[in-house]
Amino acid sequence: LQADICLHLNRNLLNNCSAFEAASPGCLRAL
């Protein structure tokens, strides 16, 4: 649940920053 909340809190960064473009969903959750 923490991972889902964190994904939501960091969504703009993870969606918009080109460095994270190739990251898998699992990788994005870990980040």
Full PDB file with SEQRES, HELIX, SHEET, SSBOND, CRYST1, ORIGX, SCALE, CONECT and MASTER records, all heavy atoms in Angstrom:
SEQRES   1 A   31  LEU GLN ALA ASP ILE CYS LEU HIS LEU ASN ARG ASN LEU          
SEQRES   2 A   31  LEU ASN ASN CYS SER ALA PHE GLU ALA ALA SER PRO GLY          
SEQRES   3 A   31  CYS LEU ARG ALA LEU                                          
HELIX    1 AA1 GLN A    2  LEU A    9  1                                   8    
HELIX    2 AA2 ARG A   11  ASN A   16  1                                   6    
HELIX    3 AA3 SER A   18  PHE A   20  5                                   3    
HELIX    4 AA4 PRO A   25  ALA A   30  1                                   6    
CRYST1    1.000    1.000    1.000  90.00  90.00  90.00 P 1           1          
ORIGX1      1.000000  0.000000  0.000000        0.00000                         
ORIGX2      0.000000  1.000000  0.000000        0.00000                         
ORIGX3      0.000000  0.000000  1.000000        0.00000                         
SCALE1      1.000000  0.000000  0.000000        0.00000                         
SCALE2      0.000000  1.000000  0.000000        0.00000                         
SCALE3      0.000000  0.000000  1.000000        0.00000                         
ATOM      1  N   LEU A   1       0.840  -1.195   0.000  1.00  0.00           N  
ATOM      2  CA  LEU A   1       0.000   0.000   0.000  1.00  0.00           C  
ATOM      3  C   LEU A   1       0.882   1.253   0.000  1.00  0.00           C  
ATOM      4  O   LEU A   1       0.582   2.236  -0.687  1.00  0.00           O  
ATOM      5  CB  LEU A   1      -0.926  -0.027   1.221  1.00  0.00           C  
ATOM      6  CG  LEU A   1      -2.100   0.948   1.242  1.00  0.00           C  
ATOM      7  CD1 LEU A   1      -2.901   0.888  -0.054  1.00  0.00           C  
ATOM      8  CD2 LEU A   1      -3.017   0.624   2.410  1.00  0.00           C  
ATOM      9  N   GLN A   2       1.979   1.208   0.756  1.00  0.00           N  
ATOM     10  CA  GLN A   2       2.932   2.324   0.754  1.00  0.00           C  
ATOM     11  C   GLN A   2       3.403   2.611  -0.668  1.00  0.00           C  
ATOM     12  O   GLN A   2       3.489   3.755  -1.088  1.00  0.00           O  
ATOM     13  CB  GLN A   2       4.168   1.995   1.600  1.00  0.00           C  
ATOM     14  CG  GLN A   2       3.955   2.113   3.093  1.00  0.00           C  
ATOM     15  CD  GLN A   2       5.265   1.889   3.841  1.00  0.00           C  
ATOM     16  OE1 GLN A   2       6.322   2.315   3.396  1.00  0.00           O  
ATOM     17  NE2 GLN A   2       5.193   1.227   4.974  1.00  0.00           N  
ATOM     18  N   ALA A   3       3.712   1.557  -1.410  1.00  0.00           N  
ATOM     19  CA  ALA A   3       4.223   1.726  -2.771  1.00  0.00           C  
ATOM     20  C   ALA A   3       3.192   2.430  -3.643  1.00  0.00           C  
ATOM     21  O   ALA A   3       3.533   3.325  -4.420  1.00  0.00           O  
ATOM     22  CB  ALA A   3       4.602   0.372  -3.374  1.00  0.00           C  
ATOM     23  N   ASP A   4       1.921   2.043  -3.493  1.00  0.00           N  
ATOM     24  CA  ASP A   4       0.871   2.680  -4.293  1.00  0.00           C  
ATOM     25  C   ASP A   4       0.694   4.146  -3.919  1.00  0.00           C  
ATOM     26  O   ASP A   4       0.499   4.998  -4.778  1.00  0.00           O  
ATOM     27  CB  ASP A   4      -0.467   1.940  -4.121  1.00  0.00           C  
ATOM     28  CG  ASP A   4      -0.465   0.603  -4.861  1.00  0.00           C  
ATOM     29  OD1 ASP A   4       0.365   0.452  -5.788  1.00  0.00           O  
ATOM     30  OD2 ASP A   4      -1.255  -0.275  -4.512  1.00  0.00           O  
ATOM     31  N   ILE A   5       0.767   4.439  -2.599  1.00  0.00           N  
ATOM     32  CA  ILE A   5       0.632   5.827  -2.150  1.00  0.00           C  
ATOM     33  C   ILE A   5       1.813   6.642  -2.674  1.00  0.00           C  
ATOM     34  O   ILE A   5       1.641   7.746  -3.203  1.00  0.00           O  
ATOM     35  CB  ILE A   5       0.571   5.905  -0.600  1.00  0.00           C  
ATOM     36  CG1 ILE A   5      -0.674   5.163  -0.071  1.00  0.00           C  
ATOM     37  CG2 ILE A   5       0.535   7.360  -0.143  1.00  0.00           C  
ATOM     38  CD1 ILE A   5      -0.629   4.890   1.429  1.00  0.00           C  
ATOM     39  N   CYS A   6       3.017   6.076  -2.544  1.00  0.00           N  
ATOM     40  CA  CYS A   6       4.220   6.785  -3.008  1.00  0.00           C  
ATOM     41  C   CYS A   6       4.185   7.003  -4.513  1.00  0.00           C  
ATOM     42  O   CYS A   6       4.600   8.052  -5.006  1.00  0.00           O  
ATOM     43  CB  CYS A   6       5.481   6.029  -2.619  1.00  0.00           C  
ATOM     44  SG  CYS A   6       5.777   6.058  -0.844  1.00  0.00           S  
ATOM     45  N   LEU A   7       3.700   6.015  -5.242  1.00  0.00           N  
ATOM     46  CA  LEU A   7       3.570   6.165  -6.696  1.00  0.00           C  
ATOM     47  C   LEU A   7       2.694   7.366  -7.004  1.00  0.00           C  
ATOM     48  O   LEU A   7       2.992   8.170  -7.888  1.00  0.00           O  
ATOM     49  CB  LEU A   7       2.938   4.917  -7.326  1.00  0.00           C  
ATOM     50  CG  LEU A   7       3.870   3.890  -7.942  1.00  0.00           C  
ATOM     51  CD1 LEU A   7       3.060   2.734  -8.504  1.00  0.00           C  
ATOM     52  CD2 LEU A   7       4.739   4.505  -9.031  1.00  0.00           C  
ATOM     53  N   HIS A   8       1.592   7.471  -6.265  1.00  0.00           N  
ATOM     54  CA  HIS A   8       0.671   8.593  -6.474  1.00  0.00           C  
ATOM     55  C   HIS A   8       1.359   9.921  -6.131  1.00  0.00           C  
ATOM     56  O   HIS A   8       1.274  10.889  -6.883  1.00  0.00           O  
ATOM     57  CB  HIS A   8      -0.586   8.413  -5.629  1.00  0.00           C  
ATOM     58  CG  HIS A   8      -1.504   9.587  -5.692  1.00  0.00           C  
ATOM     59  ND1 HIS A   8      -2.298   9.850  -6.793  1.00  0.00           N  
ATOM     60  CD2 HIS A   8      -1.722  10.596  -4.821  1.00  0.00           C  
ATOM     61  CE1 HIS A   8      -2.965  10.974  -6.588  1.00  0.00           C  
ATOM     62  NE2 HIS A   8      -2.643  11.444  -5.391  1.00  0.00           N  
ATOM     63  N   LEU A   9       2.083   9.965  -4.996  1.00  0.00           N  
ATOM     64  CA  LEU A   9       2.730  11.208  -4.554  1.00  0.00           C  
ATOM     65  C   LEU A   9       3.831  11.650  -5.523  1.00  0.00           C  
ATOM     66  O   LEU A   9       4.089  12.840  -5.662  1.00  0.00           O  
ATOM     67  CB  LEU A   9       3.319  11.036  -3.152  1.00  0.00           C  
ATOM     68  CG  LEU A   9       2.332  10.768  -2.009  1.00  0.00           C  
ATOM     69  CD1 LEU A   9       3.071  10.525  -0.708  1.00  0.00           C  
ATOM     70  CD2 LEU A   9       1.348  11.928  -1.855  1.00  0.00           C  
ATOM     71  N   ASN A  10       4.480  10.674  -6.164  1.00  0.00           N  
ATOM     72  CA  ASN A  10       5.601  10.996  -7.051  1.00  0.00           C  
ATOM     73  C   ASN A  10       5.237  10.876  -8.529  1.00  0.00           C  
ATOM     74  O   ASN A  10       6.120  10.900  -9.388  1.00  0.00           O  
ATOM     75  CB  ASN A  10       6.781  10.048  -6.749  1.00  0.00           C  
ATOM     76  CG  ASN A  10       7.354  10.267  -5.368  1.00  0.00           C  
ATOM     77  OD1 ASN A  10       7.859  11.329  -5.053  1.00  0.00           O  
ATOM     78  ND2 ASN A  10       7.259   9.260  -4.519  1.00  0.00           N  
ATOM     79  N   ARG A  11       3.923  10.740  -8.820  1.00  0.00           N  
ATOM     80  CA  ARG A  11       3.515  10.392 -10.175  1.00  0.00           C  
ATOM     81  C   ARG A  11       3.986  11.395 -11.234  1.00  0.00           C  
ATOM     82  O   ARG A  11       4.420  10.993 -12.310  1.00  0.00           O  
ATOM     83  CB  ARG A  11       1.999  10.193 -10.265  1.00  0.00           C  
ATOM     84  CG  ARG A  11       1.166  11.457 -10.038  1.00  0.00           C  
ATOM     85  CD  ARG A  11      -0.307  11.137  -9.837  1.00  0.00           C  
ATOM     86  NE  ARG A  11      -1.096  12.356  -9.643  1.00  0.00           N  
ATOM     87  CZ  ARG A  11      -1.109  13.051  -8.512  1.00  0.00           C  
ATOM     88  NH1 ARG A  11      -0.363  12.686  -7.494  1.00  0.00           N  
ATOM     89  NH2 ARG A  11      -1.845  14.153  -8.414  1.00  0.00           N  
ATOM     90  N   ASN A  12       3.911  12.707 -10.906  1.00  0.00           N  
ATOM     91  CA  ASN A  12       4.292  13.698 -11.912  1.00  0.00           C  
ATOM     92  C   ASN A  12       5.757  13.553 -12.290  1.00  0.00           C  
ATOM     93  O   ASN A  12       6.112  13.595 -13.462  1.00  0.00           O  
ATOM     94  CB  ASN A  12       4.018  15.123 -11.419  1.00  0.00           C  
ATOM     95  CG  ASN A  12       2.519  15.375 -11.304  1.00  0.00           C  
ATOM     96  OD1 ASN A  12       1.723  14.683 -11.944  1.00  0.00           O  
ATOM     97  ND2 ASN A  12       2.137  16.334 -10.481  1.00  0.00           N  
ATOM     98  N   LEU A  13       6.581  13.370 -11.276  1.00  0.00           N  
ATOM     99  CA  LEU A  13       8.010  13.215 -11.524  1.00  0.00           C  
ATOM    100  C   LEU A  13       8.267  11.966 -12.364  1.00  0.00           C  
ATOM    101  O   LEU A  13       8.951  12.022 -13.385  1.00  0.00           O  
ATOM    102  CB  LEU A  13       8.757  13.100 -10.193  1.00  0.00           C  
ATOM    103  CG  LEU A  13      10.221  12.681 -10.295  1.00  0.00           C  
ATOM    104  CD1 LEU A  13      11.044  13.732 -11.020  1.00  0.00           C  
ATOM    105  CD2 LEU A  13      10.804  12.437  -8.913  1.00  0.00           C  
ATOM    106  N   LEU A  14       7.709  10.841 -11.931  1.00  0.00           N  
ATOM    107  CA  LEU A  14       8.002   9.576 -12.595  1.00  0.00           C  
ATOM    108  C   LEU A  14       7.415   9.525 -14.006  1.00  0.00           C  
ATOM    109  O   LEU A  14       7.965   8.873 -14.889  1.00  0.00           O  
ATOM    110  CB  LEU A  14       7.508   8.406 -11.745  1.00  0.00           C  
ATOM    111  CG  LEU A  14       8.221   8.276 -10.386  1.00  0.00           C  
ATOM    112  CD1 LEU A  14       7.535   7.254  -9.497  1.00  0.00           C  
ATOM    113  CD2 LEU A  14       9.690   7.918 -10.554  1.00  0.00           C  
ATOM    114  N   ASN A  15       6.295  10.239 -14.236  1.00  0.00           N  
ATOM    115  CA  ASN A  15       5.684  10.242 -15.577  1.00  0.00           C  
ATOM    116  C   ASN A  15       6.349  11.219 -16.525  1.00  0.00           C  
ATOM    117  O   ASN A  15       6.388  10.997 -17.727  1.00  0.00           O  
ATOM    118  CB  ASN A  15       4.190  10.615 -15.507  1.00  0.00           C  
ATOM    119  CG  ASN A  15       3.384   9.531 -14.822  1.00  0.00           C  
ATOM    120  OD1 ASN A  15       3.819   8.385 -14.757  1.00  0.00           O  
ATOM    121  ND2 ASN A  15       2.226   9.901 -14.300  1.00  0.00           N  
ATOM    122  N   ASN A  16       6.851  12.343 -15.993  1.00  0.00           N  
ATOM    123  CA  ASN A  16       7.300  13.425 -16.870  1.00  0.00           C  
ATOM    124  C   ASN A  16       8.801  13.477 -17.085  1.00  0.00           C  
ATOM    125  O   ASN A  16       9.266  14.116 -18.015  1.00  0.00           O  
ATOM    126  CB  ASN A  16       6.855  14.786 -16.315  1.00  0.00           C  
ATOM    127  CG  ASN A  16       5.341  14.860 -16.168  1.00  0.00           C  
ATOM    128  OD1 ASN A  16       4.621  14.109 -16.824  1.00  0.00           O  
ATOM    129  ND2 ASN A  16       4.860  15.723 -15.288  1.00  0.00           N  
ATOM    130  N   CYS A  17       9.571  12.855 -16.194  1.00  0.00           N  
ATOM    131  CA  CYS A  17      11.023  12.965 -16.296  1.00  0.00           C  
ATOM    132  C   CYS A  17      11.538  11.858 -17.211  1.00  0.00           C  
ATOM    133  O   CYS A  17      11.277  10.675 -16.972  1.00  0.00           O  
ATOM    134  CB  CYS A  17      11.645  12.861 -14.909  1.00  0.00           C  
ATOM    135  SG  CYS A  17      13.433  12.942 -14.940  1.00  0.00           S  
ATOM    136  N   SER A  18      12.270  12.251 -18.268  1.00  0.00           N  
ATOM    137  CA  SER A  18      12.680  11.286 -19.292  1.00  0.00           C  
ATOM    138  C   SER A  18      13.566  10.166 -18.723  1.00  0.00           C  
ATOM    139  O   SER A  18      13.611   9.068 -19.272  1.00  0.00           O  
ATOM    140  CB  SER A  18      13.415  12.001 -20.421  1.00  0.00           C  
ATOM    141  OG  SER A  18      14.556  12.667 -19.910  1.00  0.00           O  
ATOM    142  N   ALA A  19      14.251  10.445 -17.617  1.00  0.00           N  
ATOM    143  CA  ALA A  19      15.132   9.427 -17.034  1.00  0.00           C  
ATOM    144  C   ALA A  19      14.363   8.168 -16.619  1.00  0.00           C  
ATOM    145  O   ALA A  19      14.924   7.073 -16.576  1.00  0.00           O  
ATOM    146  CB  ALA A  19      15.877  10.005 -15.838  1.00  0.00           C  
ATOM    147  N   PHE A  20      13.054   8.317 -16.327  1.00  0.00           N  
ATOM    148  CA  PHE A  20      12.277   7.177 -15.830  1.00  0.00           C  
ATOM    149  C   PHE A  20      11.404   6.528 -16.911  1.00  0.00           C  
ATOM    150  O   PHE A  20      10.638   5.617 -16.619  1.00  0.00           O  
ATOM    151  CB  PHE A  20      11.401   7.614 -14.643  1.00  0.00           C  
ATOM    152  CG  PHE A  20      12.194   8.240 -13.531  1.00  0.00           C  
ATOM    153  CD1 PHE A  20      12.044   9.584 -13.224  1.00  0.00           C  
ATOM    154  CD2 PHE A  20      13.112   7.496 -12.808  1.00  0.00           C  
ATOM    155  CE1 PHE A  20      12.794  10.179 -12.213  1.00  0.00           C  
ATOM    156  CE2 PHE A  20      13.860   8.073 -11.795  1.00  0.00           C  
ATOM    157  CZ  PHE A  20      13.707   9.411 -11.491  1.00  0.00           C  
ATOM    158  N   GLU A  21      11.539   7.007 -18.153  1.00  0.00           N  
ATOM    159  CA  GLU A  21      10.659   6.546 -19.230  1.00  0.00           C  
ATOM    160  C   GLU A  21      10.679   5.031 -19.423  1.00  0.00           C  
ATOM    161  O   GLU A  21       9.645   4.418 -19.637  1.00  0.00           O  
ATOM    162  CB  GLU A  21      11.048   7.228 -20.549  1.00  0.00           C  
ATOM    163  CG  GLU A  21       9.950   8.120 -21.087  1.00  0.00           C  
ATOM    164  CD  GLU A  21      10.460   9.072 -22.162  1.00  0.00           C  
ATOM    165  OE1 GLU A  21      11.101   8.605 -23.117  1.00  0.00           O  
ATOM    166  OE2 GLU A  21      10.224  10.285 -22.022  1.00  0.00           O  
ATOM    167  N   ALA A  22      11.867   4.433 -19.357  1.00  0.00           N  
ATOM    168  CA  ALA A  22      11.979   3.003 -19.661  1.00  0.00           C  
ATOM    169  C   ALA A  22      11.743   2.107 -18.448  1.00  0.00           C  
ATOM    170  O   ALA A  22      11.860   0.886 -18.543  1.00  0.00           O  
ATOM    171  CB  ALA A  22      13.358   2.720 -20.250  1.00  0.00           C  
ATOM    172  N   ALA A  23      11.400   2.707 -17.309  1.00  0.00           N  
ATOM    173  CA  ALA A  23      11.239   1.906 -16.096  1.00  0.00           C  
ATOM    174  C   ALA A  23       9.968   1.068 -16.138  1.00  0.00           C  
ATOM    175  O   ALA A  23       8.908   1.540 -16.541  1.00  0.00           O  
ATOM    176  CB  ALA A  23      11.220   2.819 -14.873  1.00  0.00           C  
ATOM    177  N   SER A  24      10.082  -0.187 -15.713  1.00  0.00           N  
ATOM    178  CA  SER A  24       8.917  -1.068 -15.625  1.00  0.00           C  
ATOM    179  C   SER A  24       8.060  -0.634 -14.433  1.00  0.00           C  
ATOM    180  O   SER A  24       8.551   0.074 -13.545  1.00  0.00           O  
ATOM    181  CB  SER A  24       9.387  -2.503 -15.409  1.00  0.00           C  
ATOM    182  OG  SER A  24      10.032  -2.595 -14.152  1.00  0.00           O  
ATOM    183  N   PRO A  25       6.783  -1.068 -14.397  1.00  0.00           N  
ATOM    184  CA  PRO A  25       5.948  -0.728 -13.236  1.00  0.00           C  
ATOM    185  C   PRO A  25       6.591  -1.135 -11.908  1.00  0.00           C  
ATOM    186  O   PRO A  25       6.545  -0.378 -10.926  1.00  0.00           O  
ATOM    187  CB  PRO A  25       4.662  -1.507 -13.488  1.00  0.00           C  
ATOM    188  CG  PRO A  25       4.589  -1.652 -14.970  1.00  0.00           C  
ATOM    189  CD  PRO A  25       6.011  -1.770 -15.446  1.00  0.00           C  
ATOM    190  N   GLY A  26       7.228  -2.304 -11.866  1.00  0.00           N  
ATOM    191  CA  GLY A  26       7.882  -2.759 -10.632  1.00  0.00           C  
ATOM    192  C   GLY A  26       9.024  -1.842 -10.237  1.00  0.00           C  
ATOM    193  O   GLY A  26       9.218  -1.533  -9.059  1.00  0.00           O  
ATOM    194  N   CYS A  27       9.753  -1.399 -11.235  1.00  0.00           N  
ATOM    195  CA  CYS A  27      10.880  -0.500 -11.003  1.00  0.00           C  
ATOM    196  C   CYS A  27      10.375   0.851 -10.491  1.00  0.00           C  
ATOM    197  O   CYS A  27      10.955   1.427  -9.567  1.00  0.00           O  
ATOM    198  CB  CYS A  27      11.663  -0.344 -12.297  1.00  0.00           C  
ATOM    199  SG  CYS A  27      13.098   0.716 -12.156  1.00  0.00           S  
ATOM    200  N   LEU A  28       9.294   1.353 -11.074  1.00  0.00           N  
ATOM    201  CA  LEU A  28       8.715   2.631 -10.638  1.00  0.00           C  
ATOM    202  C   LEU A  28       8.225   2.542  -9.194  1.00  0.00           C  
ATOM    203  O   LEU A  28       8.388   3.485  -8.417  1.00  0.00           O  
ATOM    204  CB  LEU A  28       7.565   3.053 -11.554  1.00  0.00           C  
ATOM    205  CG  LEU A  28       7.957   3.542 -12.954  1.00  0.00           C  
ATOM    206  CD1 LEU A  28       6.719   3.795 -13.805  1.00  0.00           C  
ATOM    207  CD2 LEU A  28       8.817   4.799 -12.877  1.00  0.00           C  
ATOM    208  N   ARG A  29       7.655   1.396  -8.834  1.00  0.00           N  
ATOM    209  CA  ARG A  29       7.187   1.212  -7.450  1.00  0.00           C  
ATOM    210  C   ARG A  29       8.381   1.234  -6.501  1.00  0.00           C  
ATOM    211  O   ARG A  29       8.343   1.890  -5.454  1.00  0.00           O  
ATOM    212  CB  ARG A  29       6.429  -0.099  -7.299  1.00  0.00           C  
ATOM    213  CG  ARG A  29       5.064  -0.094  -7.980  1.00  0.00           C  
ATOM    214  CD  ARG A  29       4.499  -1.502  -8.080  1.00  0.00           C  
ATOM    215  NE  ARG A  29       4.099  -2.018  -6.779  1.00  0.00           N  
ATOM    216  CZ  ARG A  29       2.935  -1.747  -6.203  1.00  0.00           C  
ATOM    217  NH1 ARG A  29       2.081  -0.952  -6.789  1.00  0.00           N  
ATOM    218  NH2 ARG A  29       2.634  -2.260  -5.033  1.00  0.00           N  
ATOM    219  N   ALA A  30       9.445   0.536  -6.883  1.00  0.00           N  
ATOM    220  CA  ALA A  30      10.643   0.479  -6.042  1.00  0.00           C  
ATOM    221  C   ALA A  30      11.254   1.873  -5.891  1.00  0.00           C  
ATOM    222  O   ALA A  30      11.646   2.277  -4.796  1.00  0.00           O  
ATOM    223  CB  ALA A  30      11.660  -0.487  -6.649  1.00  0.00           C  
ATOM    224  N   LEU A  31      11.308   2.622  -6.994  1.00  0.00           N  
ATOM    225  CA  LEU A  31      11.856   3.983  -6.950  1.00  0.00           C  
ATOM    226  C   LEU A  31      11.003   4.889  -6.075  1.00  0.00           C  
ATOM    227  O   LEU A  31      11.524   5.652  -5.257  1.00  0.00           O  
ATOM    228  CB  LEU A  31      11.926   4.579  -8.357  1.00  0.00           C  
ATOM    229  CG  LEU A  31      13.101   4.180  -9.235  1.00  0.00           C  
ATOM    230  CD1 LEU A  31      12.827   4.598 -10.675  1.00  0.00           C  
ATOM    231  CD2 LEU A  31      14.403   4.794  -8.737  1.00  0.00           C  
TER     232      LEU A  31                                                      
MASTER        0    0    0    4    0    0    0    6  231    1    0    3          
END                                                                             
